């Protein structure tokens, strides 16, 4: 069974930065796609950024140029979040998809406050 362990997040000031990390454990096939989604109480879960095992990235339009996803080691990804805005406030979920695997982390809160 695949397990995702998330870290990072918390309270950040508007314009500030923070970093989220996620590590995947378990039998994971290549190719895979890992990434981050976010959700607020008033919205559906949306893709923020993903990276494939071959290094291809994909970003939500509103975070392009501010967020950077990278795979620092196999099955360990981080999301650098810069120039944070109030609308980035959400619960961020790590996700991995590979073959028949489709797993979510428990989520970590990011709150951007002025």
Protein backbone atom coordinates (compact mmCIF):
# COMPACT_ATOMS: atom_id res chain seq x y z
CA UNK A 1 0.00 0.00 0.00
CA UNK A 2 1.34 3.40 -1.00
CA UNK A 3 1.78 5.95 1.75
CA UNK A 4 2.41 9.66 1.25
CA UNK A 5 4.07 11.67 4.01
CA UNK A 6 3.68 15.45 3.76
CA UNK A 7 5.48 18.21 5.61
CA UNK A 8 5.58 21.98 5.54
CA UNK A 9 2.91 24.60 5.28
CA UNK A 10 1.51 26.76 8.06
CA UNK A 11 0.92 30.49 8.36
CA UNK A 12 2.71 32.78 5.92
CA UNK A 13 2.46 36.49 5.28
CA UNK A 14 1.28 37.86 1.96
CA UNK A 15 4.23 38.02 -0.40
CA UNK A 16 6.15 35.47 1.61
CA UNK A 17 7.38 31.99 0.82
CA UNK A 18 7.02 28.49 2.11
CA UNK A 19 7.88 24.97 1.03
CA UNK A 20 5.92 21.75 1.00
CA UNK A 21 7.52 18.33 0.82
CA UNK A 22 6.10 14.91 0.12
CA UNK A 23 7.66 11.47 0.18
CA UNK A 24 6.03 8.35 -1.23
CA UNK A 25 6.54 4.90 0.20
CA UNK A 26 5.39 1.55 -1.12
CA UNK A 27 5.39 -0.36 -4.35
CA UNK A 28 5.27 2.31 -7.04
CA UNK A 29 5.68 1.61 -10.71
CA UNK A 30 7.45 3.76 -13.23
CA UNK A 31 6.16 5.87 -14.88
CA UNK A 32 4.41 7.90 -12.21
CA UNK A 33 3.15 11.40 -11.66
CA UNK A 34 3.45 13.10 -8.27
CA UNK A 35 2.19 16.48 -7.33
CA UNK A 36 0.09 18.80 -5.26
CA UNK A 37 -3.58 19.68 -5.30
CA UNK A 38 -5.39 22.16 -3.10
CA UNK A 39 -8.88 22.64 -1.79
CA UNK A 40 -10.78 25.25 0.18
CA UNK A 41 -14.12 24.78 1.95
CA UNK A 42 -15.80 26.62 -0.92
CA UNK A 43 -14.11 24.97 -3.89
CA UNK A 44 -13.36 21.66 -5.53
CA UNK A 45 -9.91 20.16 -5.31
CA UNK A 46 -7.71 21.60 -8.03
CA UNK A 47 -4.35 20.67 -9.49
CA UNK A 48 -1.56 23.01 -8.39
CA UNK A 49 1.54 21.38 -9.81
CA UNK A 50 2.66 17.94 -10.92
CA UNK A 51 5.88 16.32 -12.02
CA UNK A 52 6.33 13.05 -13.85
CA UNK A 53 9.02 10.48 -13.27
CA UNK A 54 10.62 11.75 -16.48
CA UNK A 55 10.71 15.31 -15.13
CA UNK A 56 7.85 16.90 -17.03
CA UNK A 57 6.01 19.53 -15.00
CA UNK A 58 2.53 21.00 -15.16
CA UNK A 59 1.19 24.02 -13.27
CA UNK A 60 -2.06 25.73 -12.50
CA UNK A 61 -2.03 28.95 -14.51
CA UNK A 62 -2.38 31.18 -11.46
CA UNK A 63 0.76 29.77 -9.80
CA UNK A 64 3.08 29.74 -12.82
CA UNK A 65 6.17 31.79 -12.13
CA UNK A 66 5.51 31.73 -8.38
CA UNK A 67 5.53 28.01 -7.52
CA UNK A 68 8.18 25.46 -8.47
CA UNK A 69 7.80 21.71 -8.15
CA UNK A 70 10.87 19.51 -8.14
CA UNK A 71 11.80 15.92 -7.43
CA UNK A 72 14.79 16.02 -5.14
CA UNK A 73 15.17 12.28 -4.94
CA UNK A 74 13.17 9.40 -6.28
CA UNK A 75 9.58 9.69 -5.03
CA UNK A 76 10.34 12.81 -2.96
CA UNK A 77 8.93 16.03 -4.30
CA UNK A 78 8.88 19.56 -3.00
CA UNK A 79 6.82 22.59 -3.88
CA UNK A 80 8.49 25.97 -3.44
CA UNK A 81 5.81 28.60 -3.06
CA UNK A 82 6.81 32.24 -3.50
CA UNK A 83 4.98 35.57 -3.71
CA UNK A 84 2.09 34.03 -1.84
CA UNK A 85 -1.33 35.58 -2.08
CA UNK A 86 -4.41 35.31 0.09
CA UNK A 87 -6.07 33.20 -2.60
CA UNK A 88 -3.37 30.56 -2.17
CA UNK A 89 -4.84 29.76 1.23
CA UNK A 90 -6.01 26.14 1.14
CA UNK A 91 -5.36 22.62 2.28
CA UNK A 92 -2.67 21.20 0.03
CA UNK A 93 -2.72 17.48 -0.75
CA UNK A 94 0.11 15.40 -2.13
CA UNK A 95 -0.92 12.92 -4.80
CA UNK A 96 0.68 10.11 -6.74
CA UNK A 97 -0.61 8.21 -9.73
CA UNK A 98 1.08 5.17 -11.23
CA UNK A 99 -0.46 2.16 -12.91
CA UNK A 100 -3.31 1.15 -10.61
CA UNK A 101 -2.05 3.39 -7.80
CA UNK A 102 -3.96 6.59 -7.07
CA UNK A 103 -3.14 7.80 -3.56
CA UNK A 104 -3.57 10.98 -1.56
CA UNK A 105 -1.79 12.42 1.43
CA UNK A 106 -3.69 13.65 4.46
CA UNK A 107 -3.26 17.29 3.52
CA UNK A 108 -1.41 20.23 5.03
CA UNK A 109 -2.86 23.68 5.64
CA UNK A 110 -1.29 26.77 4.08
CA UNK A 111 -2.73 30.06 5.29
CA UNK A 112 -1.61 33.32 3.71
CA UNK A 113 -2.40 36.30 5.85
CA UNK A 114 -1.69 40.00 5.68
